[in-house]
PDB file of all heavy atoms in Angstrom:
ATOM      1  N   ASN A   1       2.092  12.955   4.862  1.00  0.00           N
ATOM      2  CA  ASN A   1       2.360  14.072   5.740  1.00  0.00           C
ATOM      3  C   ASN A   1       2.971  13.572   7.050  1.00  0.00           C
ATOM      4  O   ASN A   1       2.831  12.413   7.402  1.00  0.00           O
ATOM      5  CB  ASN A   1       1.114  14.863   6.019  1.00  0.00           C
ATOM      6  CG  ASN A   1       0.513  15.432   4.723  1.00  0.00           C
ATOM      7  OD1 ASN A   1       1.215  15.789   3.757  1.00  0.00           O
ATOM      8  ND2 ASN A   1      -0.813  15.547   4.694  1.00  0.00           N
ATOM      9  N   SER A   2       3.568  14.495   7.769  1.00  0.00           N
ATOM     10  CA  SER A   2       4.137  14.199   9.096  1.00  0.00           C
ATOM     11  C   SER A   2       4.965  12.950   9.031  1.00  0.00           C
ATOM     12  O   SER A   2       4.830  12.034   9.859  1.00  0.00           O
ATOM     13  CB  SER A   2       2.992  14.042  10.116  1.00  0.00           C
ATOM     14  OG  SER A   2       2.197  15.184  10.186  1.00  0.00           O
ATOM     15  N   LEU A   3       5.866  12.899   8.079  1.00  0.00           N
ATOM     16  CA  LEU A   3       6.705  11.699   7.908  1.00  0.00           C
ATOM     17  C   LEU A   3       7.585  11.472   9.112  1.00  0.00           C
ATOM     18  O   LEU A   3       8.085  12.381   9.777  1.00  0.00           O
ATOM     19  CB  LEU A   3       7.518  11.851   6.615  1.00  0.00           C
ATOM     20  CG  LEU A   3       6.697  11.583   5.335  1.00  0.00           C
ATOM     21  CD1 LEU A   3       7.414  12.168   4.121  1.00  0.00           C
ATOM     22  CD2 LEU A   3       6.464  10.104   5.174  1.00  0.00           C
ATOM     23  N   LYS A   4       7.821  10.199   9.348  1.00  0.00           N
ATOM     24  CA  LYS A   4       8.651   9.777  10.456  1.00  0.00           C
ATOM     25  C   LYS A   4       9.820   8.916   9.935  1.00  0.00           C
ATOM     26  O   LYS A   4       9.695   8.331   8.836  1.00  0.00           O
ATOM     27  CB  LYS A   4       7.839   8.908  11.423  1.00  0.00           C
ATOM     28  CG  LYS A   4       6.578   9.557  11.944  1.00  0.00           C
ATOM     29  CD  LYS A   4       5.773   8.576  12.798  1.00  0.00           C
ATOM     30  CE  LYS A   4       4.494   9.221  13.319  1.00  0.00           C
ATOM     31  NZ  LYS A   4       3.707   8.240  14.117  1.00  0.00           N
ATOM     32  N   PRO A   5      10.897   8.833  10.639  1.00  0.00           N
ATOM     33  CA  PRO A   5      12.001   7.976  10.186  1.00  0.00           C
ATOM     34  C   PRO A   5      11.558   6.552   9.889  1.00  0.00           C
ATOM     35  O   PRO A   5      12.092   5.897   8.999  1.00  0.00           O
ATOM     36  CB  PRO A   5      12.988   8.062  11.346  1.00  0.00           C
ATOM     37  CG  PRO A   5      12.773   9.403  11.969  1.00  0.00           C
ATOM     38  CD  PRO A   5      11.258   9.604  11.864  1.00  0.00           C
ATOM     39  N   GLU A   6      10.589   6.063  10.634  1.00  0.00           N
ATOM     40  CA  GLU A   6      10.154   4.656  10.460  1.00  0.00           C
ATOM     41  C   GLU A   6       9.318   4.513   9.171  1.00  0.00           C
ATOM     42  O   GLU A   6       8.969   3.405   8.785  1.00  0.00           O
ATOM     43  CB  GLU A   6       9.342   4.169  11.612  1.00  0.00           C
ATOM     44  CG  GLU A   6       8.212   5.128  12.076  1.00  0.00           C
ATOM     45  CD  GLU A   6       8.683   5.980  13.254  1.00  0.00           C
ATOM     46  OE1 GLU A   6       9.784   6.507  13.193  1.00  0.00           O
ATOM     47  OE2 GLU A   6       7.838   6.136  14.168  1.00  0.00           O
ATOM     48  N   ASP A   7       9.042   5.586   8.450  1.00  0.00           N
ATOM     49  CA  ASP A   7       8.419   5.500   7.134  1.00  0.00           C
ATOM     50  C   ASP A   7       9.443   5.296   6.035  1.00  0.00           C
ATOM     51  O   ASP A   7       9.042   5.071   4.884  1.00  0.00           O
ATOM     52  CB  ASP A   7       7.659   6.834   6.832  1.00  0.00           C
ATOM     53  CG  ASP A   7       6.469   7.051   7.769  1.00  0.00           C
ATOM     54  OD1 ASP A   7       5.730   6.069   8.063  1.00  0.00           O
ATOM     55  OD2 ASP A   7       6.269   8.204   8.173  1.00  0.00           O
ATOM     56  N   THR A   8      10.711   5.300   6.388  1.00  0.00           N
ATOM     57  CA  THR A   8      11.717   5.062   5.396  1.00  0.00           C
ATOM     58  C   THR A   8      11.605   3.638   4.813  1.00  0.00           C
ATOM     59  O   THR A   8      11.524   2.664   5.520  1.00  0.00           O
ATOM     60  CB  THR A   8      13.143   5.201   6.024  1.00  0.00           C
ATOM     61  OG1 THR A   8      13.315   6.577   6.434  1.00  0.00           O
ATOM     62  CG2 THR A   8      14.236   4.775   5.052  1.00  0.00           C
ATOM     63  N   ALA A   9      11.487   3.587   3.477  1.00  0.00           N
ATOM     64  CA  ALA A   9      11.266   2.322   2.818  1.00  0.00           C
ATOM     65  C   ALA A   9      11.249   2.572   1.297  1.00  0.00           C
ATOM     66  O   ALA A   9      11.204   3.714   0.825  1.00  0.00           O
ATOM     67  CB  ALA A   9       9.960   1.690   3.200  1.00  0.00           C
ATOM     68  N   VAL A  10      11.269   1.460   0.565  1.00  0.00           N
ATOM     69  CA  VAL A  10      10.931   1.531  -0.879  1.00  0.00           C
ATOM     70  C   VAL A  10       9.423   1.312  -0.980  1.00  0.00           C
ATOM     71  O   VAL A  10       8.880   0.400  -0.419  1.00  0.00           O
ATOM     72  CB  VAL A  10      11.660   0.468  -1.698  1.00  0.00           C
ATOM     73  CG1 VAL A  10      11.267   0.522  -3.170  1.00  0.00           C
ATOM     74  CG2 VAL A  10      13.155   0.643  -1.553  1.00  0.00           C
ATOM     75  N   TYR A  11       8.788   2.288  -1.656  1.00  0.00           N
ATOM     76  CA  TYR A  11       7.348   2.243  -1.835  1.00  0.00           C
ATOM     77  C   TYR A  11       7.005   1.718  -3.193  1.00  0.00           C
ATOM     78  O   TYR A  11       7.527   2.195  -4.209  1.00  0.00           O
ATOM     79  CB  TYR A  11       6.756   3.607  -1.596  1.00  0.00           C
ATOM     80  CG  TYR A  11       6.727   4.016  -0.131  1.00  0.00           C
ATOM     81  CD1 TYR A  11       7.906   4.299   0.546  1.00  0.00           C
ATOM     82  CD2 TYR A  11       5.510   4.073   0.542  1.00  0.00           C
ATOM     83  CE1 TYR A  11       7.870   4.645   1.904  1.00  0.00           C
ATOM     84  CE2 TYR A  11       5.454   4.420   1.896  1.00  0.00           C
ATOM     85  CZ  TYR A  11       6.671   4.729   2.579  1.00  0.00           C
ATOM     86  OH  TYR A  11       6.610   5.059   3.911  1.00  0.00           O
ATOM     87  N   TYR A  12       6.069   0.784  -3.201  1.00  0.00           N
ATOM     88  CA  TYR A  12       5.616   0.151  -4.468  1.00  0.00           C
ATOM     89  C   TYR A  12       4.139   0.355  -4.654  1.00  0.00           C
ATOM     90  O   TYR A  12       3.355   0.256  -3.699  1.00  0.00           O
ATOM     91  CB  TYR A  12       5.831  -1.330  -4.405  1.00  0.00           C
ATOM     92  CG  TYR A  12       7.289  -1.749  -4.210  1.00  0.00           C
ATOM     93  CD1 TYR A  12       7.832  -1.930  -2.932  1.00  0.00           C
ATOM     94  CD2 TYR A  12       8.130  -1.983  -5.310  1.00  0.00           C
ATOM     95  CE1 TYR A  12       9.162  -2.280  -2.732  1.00  0.00           C
ATOM     96  CE2 TYR A  12       9.427  -2.392  -5.144  1.00  0.00           C
ATOM     97  CZ  TYR A  12       9.945  -2.532  -3.863  1.00  0.00           C
ATOM     98  OH  TYR A  12      11.242  -2.909  -3.684  1.00  0.00           O
ATOM     99  N   CYS A  13       3.696   0.622  -5.879  1.00  0.00           N
ATOM    100  CA  CYS A  13       2.286   0.601  -6.138  1.00  0.00           C
ATOM    101  C   CYS A  13       1.968  -0.701  -6.853  1.00  0.00           C
ATOM    102  O   CYS A  13       2.852  -1.322  -7.503  1.00  0.00           O
ATOM    103  CB  CYS A  13       1.853   1.801  -6.967  1.00  0.00           C
ATOM    104  SG  CYS A  13       2.279   1.807  -8.680  1.00  0.00           S
ATOM    105  N   ALA A  14       0.734  -1.102  -6.748  1.00  0.00           N
ATOM    106  CA  ALA A  14       0.324  -2.415  -7.305  1.00  0.00           C
ATOM    107  C   ALA A  14      -1.145  -2.311  -7.713  1.00  0.00           C
ATOM    108  O   ALA A  14      -1.904  -1.512  -7.214  1.00  0.00           O
ATOM    109  CB  ALA A  14       0.539  -3.495  -6.263  1.00  0.00           C
ATOM    110  N   VAL A  15      -1.511  -3.264  -8.601  1.00  0.00           N
ATOM    111  CA  VAL A  15      -2.875  -3.383  -9.099  1.00  0.00           C
ATOM    112  C   VAL A  15      -3.430  -4.748  -8.711  1.00  0.00           C
ATOM    113  O   VAL A  15      -2.790  -5.774  -8.909  1.00  0.00           O
ATOM    114  CB  VAL A  15      -2.958  -3.179 -10.618  1.00  0.00           C
ATOM    115  CG1 VAL A  15      -4.327  -3.588 -11.154  1.00  0.00           C
ATOM    116  CG2 VAL A  15      -2.634  -1.749 -11.006  1.00  0.00           C
ATOM    117  N   LYS A  16      -4.647  -4.730  -8.157  1.00  0.00           N
ATOM    118  CA  LYS A  16      -5.338  -5.970  -7.892  1.00  0.00           C
ATOM    119  C   LYS A  16      -6.562  -6.012  -8.794  1.00  0.00           C
ATOM    120  O   LYS A  16      -7.474  -5.214  -8.659  1.00  0.00           O
ATOM    121  CB  LYS A  16      -5.760  -6.071  -6.399  1.00  0.00           C
ATOM    122  CG  LYS A  16      -6.412  -7.409  -6.046  1.00  0.00           C
ATOM    123  CD  LYS A  16      -6.793  -7.428  -4.595  1.00  0.00           C
ATOM    124  CE  LYS A  16      -7.222  -8.822  -4.132  1.00  0.00           C
ATOM    125  NZ  LYS A  16      -8.348  -9.332  -4.875  1.00  0.00           N
ATOM    126  N   SER A  17      -6.574  -6.949  -9.738  1.00  0.00           N
ATOM    127  CA  SER A  17      -7.657  -7.003 -10.724  1.00  0.00           C
ATOM    128  C   SER A  17      -8.507  -8.238 -10.636  1.00  0.00           C
ATOM    129  O   SER A  17      -9.474  -8.354 -11.367  1.00  0.00           O
ATOM    130  CB  SER A  17      -7.041  -6.901 -12.134  1.00  0.00           C
ATOM    131  OG  SER A  17      -6.217  -7.996 -12.375  1.00  0.00           O
ATOM    132  N   GLN A  18      -8.149  -9.160  -9.783  1.00  0.00           N
ATOM    133  CA  GLN A  18      -8.882 -10.404  -9.685  1.00  0.00           C
ATOM    134  C   GLN A  18      -9.465 -10.563  -8.288  1.00  0.00           C
ATOM    135  O   GLN A  18      -8.916 -10.083  -7.279  1.00  0.00           O
ATOM    136  CB  GLN A  18      -7.993 -11.597 -10.026  1.00  0.00           C
ATOM    137  CG  GLN A  18      -7.375 -11.530 -11.398  1.00  0.00           C
ATOM    138  CD  GLN A  18      -6.582 -12.750 -11.728  1.00  0.00           C
ATOM    139  OE1 GLN A  18      -7.050 -13.873 -11.552  1.00  0.00           O
ATOM    140  NE2 GLN A  18      -5.358 -12.531 -12.200  1.00  0.00           N
ATOM    141  N   GLY A  19     -10.629 -11.284  -8.197  1.00  0.00           N
ATOM    142  CA  GLY A  19     -11.245 -11.497  -6.923  1.00  0.00           C
ATOM    143  C   GLY A  19     -11.803 -10.239  -6.337  1.00  0.00           C
ATOM    144  O   GLY A  19     -12.081  -9.237  -7.032  1.00  0.00           O
ATOM    145  N   LEU A  20     -11.913 -10.204  -5.019  1.00  0.00           N
ATOM    146  CA  LEU A  20     -12.456  -9.085  -4.330  1.00  0.00           C
ATOM    147  C   LEU A  20     -11.545  -7.870  -4.491  1.00  0.00           C
ATOM    148  O   LEU A  20     -10.306  -8.014  -4.329  1.00  0.00           O
ATOM    149  CB  LEU A  20     -12.655  -9.377  -2.862  1.00  0.00           C
ATOM    150  CG  LEU A  20     -13.789 -10.371  -2.521  1.00  0.00           C
ATOM    151  CD1 LEU A  20     -13.755 -10.667  -1.025  1.00  0.00           C
ATOM    152  CD2 LEU A  20     -15.115  -9.781  -2.918  1.00  0.00           C
ATOM    153  N   VAL A  21     -12.123  -6.740  -4.780  1.00  0.00           N
ATOM    154  CA  VAL A  21     -11.310  -5.502  -4.846  1.00  0.00           C
ATOM    155  C   VAL A  21     -11.750  -4.495  -3.824  1.00  0.00           C
ATOM    156  O   VAL A  21     -11.675  -3.282  -4.001  1.00  0.00           O
ATOM    157  CB  VAL A  21     -11.293  -4.944  -6.260  1.00  0.00           C
ATOM    158  CG1 VAL A  21     -10.498  -5.820  -7.206  1.00  0.00           C
ATOM    159  CG2 VAL A  21     -12.743  -4.745  -6.783  1.00  0.00           C
ATOM    160  N   THR A  22     -12.317  -4.997  -2.738  1.00  0.00           N
ATOM    161  CA  THR A  22     -12.691  -4.209  -1.572  1.00  0.00           C
ATOM    162  C   THR A  22     -12.283  -5.015  -0.339  1.00  0.00           C
ATOM    163  O   THR A  22     -12.085  -6.207  -0.392  1.00  0.00           O
ATOM    164  CB  THR A  22     -14.198  -3.881  -1.555  1.00  0.00           C
ATOM    165  OG1 THR A  22     -14.896  -5.071  -1.512  1.00  0.00           O
ATOM    166  CG2 THR A  22     -14.603  -3.023  -2.695  1.00  0.00           C
ATOM    167  N   GLY A  23     -12.228  -4.299   0.783  1.00  0.00           N
ATOM    168  CA  GLY A  23     -12.073  -4.989   2.063  1.00  0.00           C
ATOM    169  C   GLY A  23     -10.648  -5.433   2.373  1.00  0.00           C
ATOM    170  O   GLY A  23      -9.661  -4.939   1.750  1.00  0.00           O
ATOM    171  N   ASN A  24     -10.577  -6.350   3.283  1.00  0.00           N
ATOM    172  CA  ASN A  24      -9.275  -6.782   3.797  1.00  0.00           C
ATOM    173  C   ASN A  24      -8.378  -7.404   2.763  1.00  0.00           C
ATOM    174  O   ASN A  24      -7.136  -7.500   2.983  1.00  0.00           O
ATOM    175  CB  ASN A  24      -9.483  -7.741   4.943  1.00  0.00           C
ATOM    176  CG  ASN A  24      -9.972  -7.014   6.221  1.00  0.00           C
ATOM    177  OD1 ASN A  24      -9.777  -5.831   6.381  1.00  0.00           O
ATOM    178  ND2 ASN A  24     -10.675  -7.752   7.069  1.00  0.00           N
ATOM    179  N   SER A  25      -8.946  -7.916   1.702  1.00  0.00           N
ATOM    180  CA  SER A  25      -8.115  -8.550   0.642  1.00  0.00           C
ATOM    181  C   SER A  25      -7.158  -7.553   0.042  1.00  0.00           C
ATOM    182  O   SER A  25      -6.105  -7.939  -0.474  1.00  0.00           O
ATOM    183  CB  SER A  25      -8.999  -9.154  -0.466  1.00  0.00           C
ATOM    184  OG  SER A  25      -9.700  -8.100  -1.129  1.00  0.00           O
TER     185      SER A  25
END
């Protein structure tokens, strides 16, 4: 919501399945 010109980008989704899957990682 409330998109800004600086939000312009290619957006990628990704999966993290190893190691910690919470927090800063």
